[in-house]
């Protein structure tokens, strides 16, 4: 049995109510007595009942995390896992619990995000994988609890936007390829409902158009999965005039494309160079190791939680936070300057 408040009260000859006030820094107890009570409580090995504390304070100390559309992207391949790691790391240090919600396309309209939050008494929620056509966007906009969204920006009082500087990431990859002699550069994006993919595509399009290098035939649409990357690779192989390099809006699609290329006898990077985006753990162990644009998922998760906690405490916090990505150079890109 653990040490209880009444045990400390008995040792000091005061009421349990006095002990409770002192341990919770409430008024009605002198500073001298507070110090004495806290010292004895520590010596006796007292540990507060967190559940009782939360019930009395009407705070749950719980943050909801929504990972959406998990039927498309398996969690083991998803960048969401790294973001979740950052959220839980910071939450644990601050004494918060994480309640994880996951949805598939089949139950998307059945699960009411904000109602789930209220039912579970979460103090805020973080969304990963939210799309611009989600039927519950208006409910999120009207939410009276703090919401942090990774990679989708909504204009709302209690909603924050956390993302990487995706434009900068794509430009760094394009500059790297062009400096190595590439001029025929393709792009694998995702649907228009994935805002982050559209930002990456527009950066790619704008950069190449400004240099008269953009070619619509070198743009393909996937859905962030390995399977869609495989399908795109089949389309690439049907082209007579293939790109010398491809940038993918996700590592999963890049790895899927590489698999098909290799199966068909196309060498990476000798025949075609490939760059991914995210820097998931698999990219370091692929063959060849994938050159990719690194997002700091741990930092994204921590920033999302930081927004929630500051907002819930009434502190001033920026509603928009962009983190700087980094190009990680490995083995999947070839220098072709000597080919011309």
C-alpha atoms as a PDB file:
ATOM      1  CA  UNK A   1       0.000   0.000   0.000  1.00  0.00           C
ATOM      2  CA  UNK A   2       1.296   3.446  -0.868  1.00  0.00           C
ATOM      3  CA  UNK A   3       1.543   6.378   1.498  1.00  0.00           C
ATOM      4  CA  UNK A   4      -1.718   8.306   1.762  1.00  0.00           C
ATOM      5  CA  UNK A   5      -2.528  11.862   2.767  1.00  0.00           C
ATOM      6  CA  UNK A   6      -4.020  10.650   6.059  1.00  0.00           C
ATOM      7  CA  UNK A   7      -0.694   8.970   6.928  1.00  0.00           C
ATOM      8  CA  UNK A   8       1.158  12.269   6.545  1.00  0.00           C
ATOM      9  CA  UNK A   9      -1.564  14.051   8.533  1.00  0.00           C
ATOM     10  CA  UNK A  10      -1.252  11.540  11.370  1.00  0.00           C
ATOM     11  CA  UNK A  11       2.542  12.019  11.554  1.00  0.00           C
ATOM     12  CA  UNK A  12       2.221  15.806  11.755  1.00  0.00           C
ATOM     13  CA  UNK A  13      -0.931  15.934  13.877  1.00  0.00           C
ATOM     14  CA  UNK A  14      -2.873  18.058  11.384  1.00  0.00           C
ATOM     15  CA  UNK A  15      -5.999  17.422   9.299  1.00  0.00           C
ATOM     16  CA  UNK A  16      -5.876  15.622   5.922  1.00  0.00           C
ATOM     17  CA  UNK A  17      -7.410  18.773   4.417  1.00  0.00           C
ATOM     18  CA  UNK A  18      -4.387  20.801   5.502  1.00  0.00           C
ATOM     19  CA  UNK A  19      -2.040  18.249   3.922  1.00  0.00           C
ATOM     20  CA  UNK A  20      -4.024  18.349   0.669  1.00  0.00           C
ATOM     21  CA  UNK A  21      -3.940  22.162   0.532  1.00  0.00           C
ATOM     22  CA  UNK A  22      -0.195  22.221   1.141  1.00  0.00           C
ATOM     23  CA  UNK A  23       0.621  19.604  -1.481  1.00  0.00           C
ATOM     24  CA  UNK A  24      -1.536  21.425  -4.045  1.00  0.00           C
ATOM     25  CA  UNK A  25      -0.184  24.898  -3.138  1.00  0.00           C
ATOM     26  CA  UNK A  26      -3.580  26.205  -2.111  1.00  0.00           C
ATOM     27  CA  UNK A  27      -4.288  29.052   0.287  1.00  0.00           C
ATOM     28  CA  UNK A  28      -4.973  28.523   3.993  1.00  0.00           C
ATOM     29  CA  UNK A  29      -1.614  27.023   4.954  1.00  0.00           C
ATOM     30  CA  UNK A  30       1.487  28.990   5.976  1.00  0.00           C
ATOM     31  CA  UNK A  31       4.583  28.755   3.788  1.00  0.00           C
ATOM     32  CA  UNK A  32       6.550  27.308   6.679  1.00  0.00           C
ATOM     33  CA  UNK A  33       4.022  24.502   7.197  1.00  0.00           C
ATOM     34  CA  UNK A  34       3.813  23.860   3.448  1.00  0.00           C
ATOM     35  CA  UNK A  35       7.566  23.267   3.284  1.00  0.00           C
ATOM     36  CA  UNK A  36       7.408  20.968   6.306  1.00  0.00           C
ATOM     37  CA  UNK A  37       4.548  18.935   4.806  1.00  0.00           C
ATOM     38  CA  UNK A  38       6.181  18.631   1.382  1.00  0.00           C
ATOM     39  CA  UNK A  39       9.492  17.578   2.951  1.00  0.00           C
ATOM     40  CA  UNK A  40       7.839  14.857   5.018  1.00  0.00           C
ATOM     41  CA  UNK A  41       5.713  13.692   2.081  1.00  0.00           C
ATOM     42  CA  UNK A  42       8.856  13.274   0.003  1.00  0.00           C
ATOM     43  CA  UNK A  43      10.649  11.410   2.802  1.00  0.00           C
ATOM     44  CA  UNK A  44       7.687   9.062   3.247  1.00  0.00           C
ATOM     45  CA  UNK A  45       7.571   8.334  -0.483  1.00  0.00           C
ATOM     46  CA  UNK A  46       4.142   9.874  -1.081  1.00  0.00           C
ATOM     47  CA  UNK A  47       2.920   9.769  -4.702  1.00  0.00           C
ATOM     48  CA  UNK A  48      -0.194  11.744  -5.667  1.00  0.00           C
ATOM     49  CA  UNK A  49      -3.244   9.964  -7.072  1.00  0.00           C
ATOM     50  CA  UNK A  50      -3.235  11.419 -10.599  1.00  0.00           C
ATOM     51  CA  UNK A  51      -6.753  10.201 -11.409  1.00  0.00           C
ATOM     52  CA  UNK A  52      -8.190  11.810  -8.277  1.00  0.00           C
ATOM     53  CA  UNK A  53      -6.291  15.024  -8.998  1.00  0.00           C
ATOM     54  CA  UNK A  54      -7.667  15.193 -12.532  1.00  0.00           C
ATOM     55  CA  UNK A  55     -11.223  14.575 -11.381  1.00  0.00           C
ATOM     56  CA  UNK A  56     -10.998  17.288  -8.740  1.00  0.00           C
ATOM     57  CA  UNK A  57      -9.419  19.785 -11.133  1.00  0.00           C
ATOM     58  CA  UNK A  58     -11.758  18.794 -14.001  1.00  0.00           C
ATOM     59  CA  UNK A  59      -8.658  18.361 -16.186  1.00  0.00           C
ATOM     60  CA  UNK A  60      -7.989  15.109 -17.978  1.00  0.00           C
ATOM     61  CA  UNK A  61      -4.339  15.829 -18.872  1.00  0.00           C
ATOM     62  CA  UNK A  62      -5.094  13.904 -22.046  1.00  0.00           C
ATOM     63  CA  UNK A  63      -4.443  14.921 -25.663  1.00  0.00           C
ATOM     64  CA  UNK A  64      -6.190  13.212 -28.567  1.00  0.00           C
ATOM     65  CA  UNK A  65      -4.162  12.260 -31.642  1.00  0.00           C
ATOM     66  CA  UNK A  66      -5.972  11.368 -34.871  1.00  0.00           C
ATOM     67  CA  UNK A  67      -4.109   9.381 -37.536  1.00  0.00           C
ATOM     68  CA  UNK A  68      -6.463   9.297 -40.499  1.00  0.00           C
ATOM     69  CA  UNK A  69      -6.873   6.941 -43.471  1.00  0.00           C
ATOM     70  CA  UNK A  70      -4.698   4.189 -42.019  1.00  0.00           C
ATOM     71  CA  UNK A  71      -6.266   1.751 -44.515  1.00  0.00           C
ATOM     72  CA  UNK A  72      -4.166   3.391 -47.260  1.00  0.00           C
ATOM     73  CA  UNK A  73      -0.844   3.842 -45.531  1.00  0.00           C
ATOM     74  CA  UNK A  74       0.281   1.191 -43.055  1.00  0.00           C
ATOM     75  CA  UNK A  75       1.566   2.689 -39.837  1.00  0.00           C
ATOM     76  CA  UNK A  76       4.884   0.860 -40.149  1.00  0.00           C
ATOM     77  CA  UNK A  77       5.542   2.737 -43.418  1.00  0.00           C
ATOM     78  CA  UNK A  78       4.020   6.011 -42.320  1.00  0.00           C
ATOM     79  CA  UNK A  79       5.839   9.218 -41.415  1.00  0.00           C
ATOM     80  CA  UNK A  80       3.025   9.648 -38.876  1.00  0.00           C
ATOM     81  CA  UNK A  81       4.826   7.265 -36.518  1.00  0.00           C
ATOM     82  CA  UNK A  82       7.761   9.656 -36.186  1.00  0.00           C
ATOM     83  CA  UNK A  83       5.392  12.561 -35.484  1.00  0.00           C
ATOM     84  CA  UNK A  84       3.593  10.447 -32.880  1.00  0.00           C
ATOM     85  CA  UNK A  85       6.941   9.666 -31.282  1.00  0.00           C
ATOM     86  CA  UNK A  86       7.623  13.390 -30.865  1.00  0.00           C
ATOM     87  CA  UNK A  87       4.176  13.985 -29.381  1.00  0.00           C
ATOM     88  CA  UNK A  88       4.467  11.183 -26.831  1.00  0.00           C
ATOM     89  CA  UNK A  89       8.039  12.105 -25.888  1.00  0.00           C
ATOM     90  CA  UNK A  90       7.032  15.624 -24.894  1.00  0.00           C
ATOM     91  CA  UNK A  91       3.703  14.553 -23.399  1.00  0.00           C
ATOM     92  CA  UNK A  92       5.400  12.048 -21.104  1.00  0.00           C
ATOM     93  CA  UNK A  93       7.821  14.667 -19.811  1.00  0.00           C
ATOM     94  CA  UNK A  94       4.944  17.017 -19.001  1.00  0.00           C
ATOM     95  CA  UNK A  95       2.698  14.401 -17.395  1.00  0.00           C
ATOM     96  CA  UNK A  96       0.147  14.199 -20.202  1.00  0.00           C
ATOM     97  CA  UNK A  97      -1.441  11.078 -21.634  1.00  0.00           C
ATOM     98  CA  UNK A  98      -2.055  10.458 -25.338  1.00  0.00           C
ATOM     99  CA  UNK A  99      -5.307   8.971 -26.616  1.00  0.00           C
ATOM    100  CA  UNK A 100      -4.841   7.637 -30.148  1.00  0.00           C
ATOM    101  CA  UNK A 101      -7.707   7.591 -32.653  1.00  0.00           C
ATOM    102  CA  UNK A 102      -7.267   5.971 -36.060  1.00  0.00           C
ATOM    103  CA  UNK A 103      -9.785   5.876 -38.885  1.00  0.00           C
ATOM    104  CA  UNK A 104     -10.129   4.229 -42.257  1.00  0.00           C
ATOM    105  CA  UNK A 105     -12.016   5.328 -45.352  1.00  0.00           C
ATOM    106  CA  UNK A 106     -14.869   3.047 -44.327  1.00  0.00           C
ATOM    107  CA  UNK A 107     -15.651   4.751 -41.040  1.00  0.00           C
ATOM    108  CA  UNK A 108     -14.602   8.291 -41.956  1.00  0.00           C
ATOM    109  CA  UNK A 109     -18.144   9.696 -41.902  1.00  0.00           C
ATOM    110  CA  UNK A 110     -19.255   7.650 -38.900  1.00  0.00           C
ATOM    111  CA  UNK A 111     -16.605   8.905 -36.501  1.00  0.00           C
ATOM    112  CA  UNK A 112     -17.286  12.463 -35.336  1.00  0.00           C
ATOM    113  CA  UNK A 113     -13.873  13.805 -34.393  1.00  0.00           C
ATOM    114  CA  UNK A 114     -14.915  16.608 -32.048  1.00  0.00           C
ATOM    115  CA  UNK A 115     -17.639  14.512 -30.418  1.00  0.00           C
ATOM    116  CA  UNK A 116     -15.030  11.827 -29.729  1.00  0.00           C
ATOM    117  CA  UNK A 117     -12.839  14.470 -28.122  1.00  0.00           C
ATOM    118  CA  UNK A 118     -15.646  15.670 -25.882  1.00  0.00           C
ATOM    119  CA  UNK A 119     -16.697  12.154 -24.934  1.00  0.00           C
ATOM    120  CA  UNK A 120     -13.132  11.289 -23.904  1.00  0.00           C
ATOM    121  CA  UNK A 121     -12.588  14.681 -22.229  1.00  0.00           C
ATOM    122  CA  UNK A 122      -9.386  15.442 -24.123  1.00  0.00           C
ATOM    123  CA  UNK A 123      -7.945  18.917 -23.643  1.00  0.00           C
ATOM    124  CA  UNK A 124      -6.892  19.278 -27.262  1.00  0.00           C
ATOM    125  CA  UNK A 125      -6.382  17.247 -30.422  1.00  0.00           C
ATOM    126  CA  UNK A 126      -3.680  16.769 -33.066  1.00  0.00           C
ATOM    127  CA  UNK A 127      -4.618  15.653 -36.589  1.00  0.00           C
ATOM    128  CA  UNK A 128      -2.269  13.791 -38.931  1.00  0.00           C
ATOM    129  CA  UNK A 129      -3.391  12.954 -42.480  1.00  0.00           C
ATOM    130  CA  UNK A 130      -6.375  15.315 -42.588  1.00  0.00           C
ATOM    131  CA  UNK A 131      -7.470  16.111 -46.174  1.00  0.00           C
ATOM    132  CA  UNK A 132      -9.036  19.257 -47.579  1.00  0.00           C
ATOM    133  CA  UNK A 133     -12.233  17.391 -48.558  1.00  0.00           C
ATOM    134  CA  UNK A 134     -12.859  15.907 -45.113  1.00  0.00           C
ATOM    135  CA  UNK A 135     -16.592  16.346 -44.297  1.00  0.00           C
ATOM    136  CA  UNK A 136     -15.780  17.378 -40.739  1.00  0.00           C
ATOM    137  CA  UNK A 137     -13.580  20.402 -41.467  1.00  0.00           C
ATOM    138  CA  UNK A 138     -16.294  22.851 -40.378  1.00  0.00           C
ATOM    139  CA  UNK A 139     -16.659  21.050 -37.046  1.00  0.00           C
ATOM    140  CA  UNK A 140     -12.903  21.361 -36.547  1.00  0.00           C
ATOM    141  CA  UNK A 141     -12.994  25.073 -37.430  1.00  0.00           C
ATOM    142  CA  UNK A 142     -15.731  25.646 -34.835  1.00  0.00           C
ATOM    143  CA  UNK A 143     -13.997  23.615 -32.123  1.00  0.00           C
ATOM    144  CA  UNK A 144     -13.764  25.217 -28.692  1.00  0.00           C
ATOM    145  CA  UNK A 145     -10.785  23.035 -27.769  1.00  0.00           C
ATOM    146  CA  UNK A 146      -7.308  23.658 -29.230  1.00  0.00           C
ATOM    147  CA  UNK A 147      -6.564  21.759 -32.448  1.00  0.00           C
ATOM    148  CA  UNK A 148      -3.168  21.335 -34.131  1.00  0.00           C
ATOM    149  CA  UNK A 149      -3.144  20.049 -37.712  1.00  0.00           C
ATOM    150  CA  UNK A 150      -0.058  18.625 -39.369  1.00  0.00           C
ATOM    151  CA  UNK A 151       0.211  19.675 -43.062  1.00  0.00           C
ATOM    152  CA  UNK A 152      -3.236  21.244 -43.574  1.00  0.00           C
ATOM    153  CA  UNK A 153      -3.908  24.903 -42.891  1.00  0.00           C
ATOM    154  CA  UNK A 154      -7.330  26.030 -41.644  1.00  0.00           C
ATOM    155  CA  UNK A 155      -8.255  29.590 -40.741  1.00  0.00           C
ATOM    156  CA  UNK A 156      -9.886  29.212 -37.327  1.00  0.00           C
ATOM    157  CA  UNK A 157      -9.539  30.697 -33.860  1.00  0.00           C
ATOM    158  CA  UNK A 158      -8.420  27.561 -32.033  1.00  0.00           C
ATOM    159  CA  UNK A 159      -6.611  25.777 -34.859  1.00  0.00           C
ATOM    160  CA  UNK A 160      -2.853  25.757 -35.411  1.00  0.00           C
ATOM    161  CA  UNK A 161      -0.885  24.698 -38.509  1.00  0.00           C
ATOM    162  CA  UNK A 162       2.338  22.736 -38.100  1.00  0.00           C
ATOM    163  CA  UNK A 163       4.351  21.684 -41.130  1.00  0.00           C
ATOM    164  CA  UNK A 164       7.730  21.657 -42.833  1.00  0.00           C
ATOM    165  CA  UNK A 165       8.741  24.275 -45.382  1.00  0.00           C
ATOM    166  CA  UNK A 166       7.774  21.941 -48.221  1.00  0.00           C
ATOM    167  CA  UNK A 167       8.567  24.454 -50.955  1.00  0.00           C
ATOM    168  CA  UNK A 168      12.114  24.847 -49.659  1.00  0.00           C
ATOM    169  CA  UNK A 169      12.512  21.069 -49.517  1.00  0.00           C
ATOM    170  CA  UNK A 170      11.515  20.558 -53.154  1.00  0.00           C
ATOM    171  CA  UNK A 171      13.679  23.432 -54.349  1.00  0.00           C
ATOM    172  CA  UNK A 172      16.718  21.998 -52.557  1.00  0.00           C
ATOM    173  CA  UNK A 173      16.164  18.663 -54.344  1.00  0.00           C
ATOM    174  CA  UNK A 174      15.728  20.349 -57.741  1.00  0.00           C
ATOM    175  CA  UNK A 175      18.844  22.465 -57.302  1.00  0.00           C
ATOM    176  CA  UNK A 176      20.823  19.353 -56.371  1.00  0.00           C
ATOM    177  CA  UNK A 177      19.637  17.485 -59.471  1.00  0.00           C
ATOM    178  CA  UNK A 178      20.237  20.387 -61.841  1.00  0.00           C
ATOM    179  CA  UNK A 179      23.732  20.922 -60.445  1.00  0.00           C
ATOM    180  CA  UNK A 180      24.403  17.269 -61.302  1.00  0.00           C
ATOM    181  CA  UNK A 181      23.332  17.789 -64.911  1.00  0.00           C
ATOM    182  CA  UNK A 182      19.706  16.610 -64.794  1.00  0.00           C
ATOM    183  CA  UNK A 183      17.249  18.499 -66.989  1.00  0.00           C
ATOM    184  CA  UNK A 184      14.483  15.927 -67.482  1.00  0.00           C
ATOM    185  CA  UNK A 185      13.033  15.685 -63.976  1.00  0.00           C
ATOM    186  CA  UNK A 186       9.756  13.954 -63.156  1.00  0.00           C
ATOM    187  CA  UNK A 187       7.480  14.253 -60.135  1.00  0.00           C
ATOM    188  CA  UNK A 188       5.205  11.791 -58.310  1.00  0.00           C
ATOM    189  CA  UNK A 189       2.569  13.647 -56.330  1.00  0.00           C
ATOM    190  CA  UNK A 190      -0.725  12.790 -54.686  1.00  0.00           C
ATOM    191  CA  UNK A 191      -4.346  13.866 -54.964  1.00  0.00           C
ATOM    192  CA  UNK A 192      -5.494  17.488 -54.805  1.00  0.00           C
ATOM    193  CA  UNK A 193      -7.085  16.832 -51.400  1.00  0.00           C
ATOM    194  CA  UNK A 194      -3.603  16.316 -49.880  1.00  0.00           C
ATOM    195  CA  UNK A 195      -2.579  19.945 -49.393  1.00  0.00           C
ATOM    196  CA  UNK A 196       1.035  19.089 -48.581  1.00  0.00           C
ATOM    197  CA  UNK A 197       1.430  17.255 -51.890  1.00  0.00           C
ATOM    198  CA  UNK A 198       0.006  20.189 -53.809  1.00  0.00           C
ATOM    199  CA  UNK A 199       2.483  22.551 -52.155  1.00  0.00           C
ATOM    200  CA  UNK A 200       5.317  20.254 -53.209  1.00  0.00           C
ATOM    201  CA  UNK A 201       4.007  19.934 -56.755  1.00  0.00           C
ATOM    202  CA  UNK A 202       3.533  23.690 -57.195  1.00  0.00           C
ATOM    203  CA  UNK A 203       7.090  24.301 -55.995  1.00  0.00           C
ATOM    204  CA  UNK A 204       8.342  21.730 -58.526  1.00  0.00           C
ATOM    205  CA  UNK A 205       6.225  23.184 -61.347  1.00  0.00           C
ATOM    206  CA  UNK A 206       7.116  26.807 -60.645  1.00  0.00           C
ATOM    207  CA  UNK A 207      10.843  26.145 -60.353  1.00  0.00           C
ATOM    208  CA  UNK A 208      11.068  24.170 -63.602  1.00  0.00           C
ATOM    209  CA  UNK A 209       8.763  26.468 -65.592  1.00  0.00           C
ATOM    210  CA  UNK A 210      10.986  29.429 -64.692  1.00  0.00           C
ATOM    211  CA  UNK A 211      13.849  27.528 -66.344  1.00  0.00           C
ATOM    212  CA  UNK A 212      11.829  26.187 -69.308  1.00  0.00           C
ATOM    213  CA  UNK A 213      12.313  22.641 -68.030  1.00  0.00           C
ATOM    214  CA  UNK A 214       8.759  21.728 -67.017  1.00  0.00           C
ATOM    215  CA  UNK A 215       7.092  18.897 -68.918  1.00  0.00           C
ATOM    216  CA  UNK A 216       3.524  17.809 -68.060  1.00  0.00           C
ATOM    217  CA  UNK A 217       4.218  14.244 -69.271  1.00  0.00           C
ATOM    218  CA  UNK A 218       6.668  13.877 -66.396  1.00  0.00           C
ATOM    219  CA  UNK A 219       4.048  14.384 -63.680  1.00  0.00           C
ATOM    220  CA  UNK A 220       2.185  11.458 -62.113  1.00  0.00           C
ATOM    221  CA  UNK A 221      -0.345  11.079 -59.293  1.00  0.00           C
ATOM    222  CA  UNK A 222      -0.099   8.515 -56.502  1.00  0.00           C
ATOM    223  CA  UNK A 223      -1.591   8.333 -53.023  1.00  0.00           C
ATOM    224  CA  UNK A 224       1.494   8.198 -50.764  1.00  0.00           C
ATOM    225  CA  UNK A 225       1.552   4.353 -50.778  1.00  0.00           C
ATOM    226  CA  UNK A 226       4.217   1.993 -52.118  1.00  0.00           C
ATOM    227  CA  UNK A 227       1.602   0.410 -54.360  1.00  0.00           C
ATOM    228  CA  UNK A 228       0.878   3.710 -56.105  1.00  0.00           C
ATOM    229  CA  UNK A 229       4.608   4.249 -56.584  1.00  0.00           C
ATOM    230  CA  UNK A 230       4.773   0.856 -58.293  1.00  0.00           C
ATOM    231  CA  UNK A 231       1.941   1.815 -60.666  1.00  0.00           C
ATOM    232  CA  UNK A 232       3.649   5.099 -61.540  1.00  0.00           C
ATOM    233  CA  UNK A 233       6.883   3.255 -62.298  1.00  0.00           C
ATOM    234  CA  UNK A 234       5.009   1.120 -64.841  1.00  0.00           C
ATOM    235  CA  UNK A 235       3.790   4.340 -66.519  1.00  0.00           C
ATOM    236  CA  UNK A 236       7.304   5.774 -66.554  1.00  0.00           C
ATOM    237  CA  UNK A 237       8.604   2.654 -68.270  1.00  0.00           C
ATOM    238  CA  UNK A 238       6.086   3.093 -71.098  1.00  0.00           C
ATOM    239  CA  UNK A 239       7.582   6.470 -72.031  1.00  0.00           C
ATOM    240  CA  UNK A 240       9.962   6.571 -74.986  1.00  0.00           C
ATOM    241  CA  UNK A 241      11.686   9.668 -73.642  1.00  0.00           C
ATOM    242  CA  UNK A 242      12.055   8.992 -69.920  1.00  0.00           C
ATOM    243  CA  UNK A 243      13.154  11.474 -67.264  1.00  0.00           C
ATOM    244  CA  UNK A 244      16.681  11.065 -65.943  1.00  0.00           C
ATOM    245  CA  UNK A 245      15.471  11.744 -62.401  1.00  0.00           C
ATOM    246  CA  UNK A 246      12.250  11.615 -60.403  1.00  0.00           C
ATOM    247  CA  UNK A 247      11.268  13.403 -57.212  1.00  0.00           C
ATOM    248  CA  UNK A 248       8.550  11.686 -55.191  1.00  0.00           C
ATOM    249  CA  UNK A 249       6.276  13.502 -52.720  1.00  0.00           C
ATOM    250  CA  UNK A 250       6.798  10.610 -50.278  1.00  0.00           C
ATOM    251  CA  UNK A 251       9.435   7.999 -49.549  1.00  0.00           C
ATOM    252  CA  UNK A 252       6.870   5.199 -49.729  1.00  0.00           C
ATOM    253  CA  UNK A 253       6.024   6.022 -53.363  1.00  0.00           C
ATOM    254  CA  UNK A 254       9.716   6.393 -54.188  1.00  0.00           C
ATOM    255  CA  UNK A 255      10.506   2.965 -52.726  1.00  0.00           C
ATOM    256  CA  UNK A 256       7.591   1.428 -54.617  1.00  0.00           C
ATOM    257  CA  UNK A 257       8.838   2.921 -57.881  1.00  0.00           C
ATOM    258  CA  UNK A 258      12.390   1.706 -57.263  1.00  0.00           C
ATOM    259  CA  UNK A 259      11.136  -1.847 -56.713  1.00  0.00           C
ATOM    260  CA  UNK A 260       9.444  -1.950 -60.130  1.00  0.00           C
ATOM    261  CA  UNK A 261      12.366  -0.280 -61.874  1.00  0.00           C
ATOM    262  CA  UNK A 262      14.762  -2.880 -60.489  1.00  0.00           C
ATOM    263  CA  UNK A 263      12.374  -5.739 -61.311  1.00  0.00           C
ATOM    264  CA  UNK A 264      12.353  -4.528 -64.931  1.00  0.00           C
ATOM    265  CA  UNK A 265      16.129  -4.269 -65.136  1.00  0.00           C
ATOM    266  CA  UNK A 266      16.350  -0.494 -64.697  1.00  0.00           C
ATOM    267  CA  UNK A 267      19.377   0.390 -62.585  1.00  0.00           C
ATOM    268  CA  UNK A 268      19.167   2.982 -59.804  1.00  0.00           C
ATOM    269  CA  UNK A 269      20.813   5.472 -60.132  1.00  0.00           C
ATOM    270  CA  UNK A 270      22.693   4.520 -63.326  1.00  0.00           C
ATOM    271  CA  UNK A 271      19.561   4.558 -65.517  1.00  0.00           C
ATOM    272  CA  UNK A 272      17.295   6.801 -63.459  1.00  0.00           C
ATOM    273  CA  UNK A 273      17.807   8.801 -60.263  1.00  0.00           C
ATOM    274  CA  UNK A 274      15.177   8.940 -57.514  1.00  0.00           C
ATOM    275  CA  UNK A 275      14.631  11.319 -54.575  1.00  0.00           C
ATOM    276  CA  UNK A 276      12.018  10.806 -51.869  1.00  0.00           C
ATOM    277  CA  UNK A 277      10.464  13.025 -49.234  1.00  0.00           C
ATOM    278  CA  UNK A 278      10.137  12.395 -45.441  1.00  0.00           C
ATOM    279  CA  UNK A 279      13.254  10.333 -44.591  1.00  0.00           C
ATOM    280  CA  UNK A 280      11.405   7.379 -43.064  1.00  0.00           C
ATOM    281  CA  UNK A 281      13.703   4.765 -41.495  1.00  0.00           C
ATOM    282  CA  UNK A 282      13.416   2.365 -44.453  1.00  0.00           C
ATOM    283  CA  UNK A 283      15.227   4.814 -46.748  1.00  0.00           C
ATOM    284  CA  UNK A 284      18.538   4.321 -44.960  1.00  0.00           C
ATOM    285  CA  UNK A 285      18.388   0.569 -45.497  1.00  0.00           C
ATOM    286  CA  UNK A 286      16.960   0.396 -49.034  1.00  0.00           C
ATOM    287  CA  UNK A 287      19.111  -0.732 -51.944  1.00  0.00           C
ATOM    288  CA  UNK A 288      20.329   1.724 -53.027  1.00  0.00           C
ATOM    289  CA  UNK A 289      19.956   3.907 -49.963  1.00  0.00           C
ATOM    290  CA  UNK A 290      17.435   6.575 -50.886  1.00  0.00           C
ATOM    291  CA  UNK A 291      18.376  10.237 -51.207  1.00  0.00           C
ATOM    292  CA  UNK A 292      15.491  12.089 -49.598  1.00  0.00           C
ATOM    293  CA  UNK A 293      14.239  15.336 -48.090  1.00  0.00           C
ATOM    294  CA  UNK A 294      14.272  14.976 -44.335  1.00  0.00           C
ATOM    295  CA  UNK A 295      11.393  16.252 -42.247  1.00  0.00           C
ATOM    296  CA  UNK A 296      11.975  16.339 -38.498  1.00  0.00           C
ATOM    297  CA  UNK A 297       8.917  14.357 -37.423  1.00  0.00           C
ATOM    298  CA  UNK A 298       9.935  14.432 -33.758  1.00  0.00           C
ATOM    299  CA  UNK A 299      10.070  18.239 -33.844  1.00  0.00           C
ATOM    300  CA  UNK A 300       6.750  18.449 -35.730  1.00  0.00           C
ATOM    301  CA  UNK A 301       5.092  16.368 -33.015  1.00  0.00           C
ATOM    302  CA  UNK A 302       6.571  18.465 -30.237  1.00  0.00           C
ATOM    303  CA  UNK A 303       5.529  21.715 -31.933  1.00  0.00           C
ATOM    304  CA  UNK A 304       1.973  20.419 -32.357  1.00  0.00           C
ATOM    305  CA  UNK A 305       1.746  19.542 -28.668  1.00  0.00           C
ATOM    306  CA  UNK A 306       3.340  22.867 -27.757  1.00  0.00           C
ATOM    307  CA  UNK A 307       0.561  24.695 -29.614  1.00  0.00           C
ATOM    308  CA  UNK A 308      -2.137  22.680 -27.833  1.00  0.00           C
ATOM    309  CA  UNK A 309      -0.739  23.232 -24.338  1.00  0.00           C
ATOM    310  CA  UNK A 310      -0.060  26.949 -24.781  1.00  0.00           C
ATOM    311  CA  UNK A 311      -3.486  27.521 -26.304  1.00  0.00           C
ATOM    312  CA  UNK A 312      -5.249  25.617 -23.512  1.00  0.00           C
ATOM    313  CA  UNK A 313      -3.393  27.677 -20.905  1.00  0.00           C
ATOM    314  CA  UNK A 314      -4.326  30.967 -22.572  1.00  0.00           C
ATOM    315  CA  UNK A 315      -0.766  31.761 -23.658  1.00  0.00           C
ATOM    316  CA  UNK A 316       0.074  33.580 -26.873  1.00  0.00           C
ATOM    317  CA  UNK A 317       1.353  31.142 -29.489  1.00  0.00           C
ATOM    318  CA  UNK A 318       1.880  31.475 -33.267  1.00  0.00           C
ATOM    319  CA  UNK A 319      -0.875  29.767 -35.266  1.00  0.00           C
ATOM    320  CA  UNK A 320       1.518  28.862 -38.058  1.00  0.00           C
ATOM    321  CA  UNK A 321       4.817  27.024 -37.651  1.00  0.00           C
ATOM    322  CA  UNK A 322       7.074  25.863 -40.499  1.00  0.00           C
ATOM    323  CA  UNK A 323      10.167  23.769 -39.791  1.00  0.00           C
ATOM    324  CA  UNK A 324      13.191  23.705 -42.093  1.00  0.00           C
ATOM    325  CA  UNK A 325      13.712  20.453 -44.059  1.00  0.00           C
ATOM    326  CA  UNK A 326      17.110  19.064 -45.075  1.00  0.00           C
ATOM    327  CA  UNK A 327      18.248  17.198 -48.178  1.00  0.00           C
ATOM    328  CA  UNK A 328      19.840  13.888 -47.134  1.00  0.00           C
ATOM    329  CA  UNK A 329      22.235  12.747 -49.866  1.00  0.00           C
ATOM    330  CA  UNK A 330      22.700   8.988 -50.184  1.00  0.00           C
ATOM    331  CA  UNK A 331      23.088   6.670 -53.177  1.00  0.00           C
ATOM    332  CA  UNK A 332      20.033   6.979 -55.450  1.00  0.00           C
ATOM    333  CA  UNK A 333      21.130   9.971 -57.565  1.00  0.00           C
ATOM    334  CA  UNK A 334      23.760   9.951 -60.309  1.00  0.00           C
ATOM    335  CA  UNK A 335      25.948  12.811 -61.484  1.00  0.00           C
ATOM    336  CA  UNK A 336      25.343  12.948 -65.257  1.00  0.00           C
ATOM    337  CA  UNK A 337      27.297  16.074 -66.115  1.00  0.00           C
ATOM    338  CA  UNK A 338      29.824  14.028 -68.074  1.00  0.00           C
ATOM    339  CA  UNK A 339      27.080  12.447 -70.171  1.00  0.00           C
ATOM    340  CA  UNK A 340      26.744  15.492 -72.387  1.00  0.00           C
END
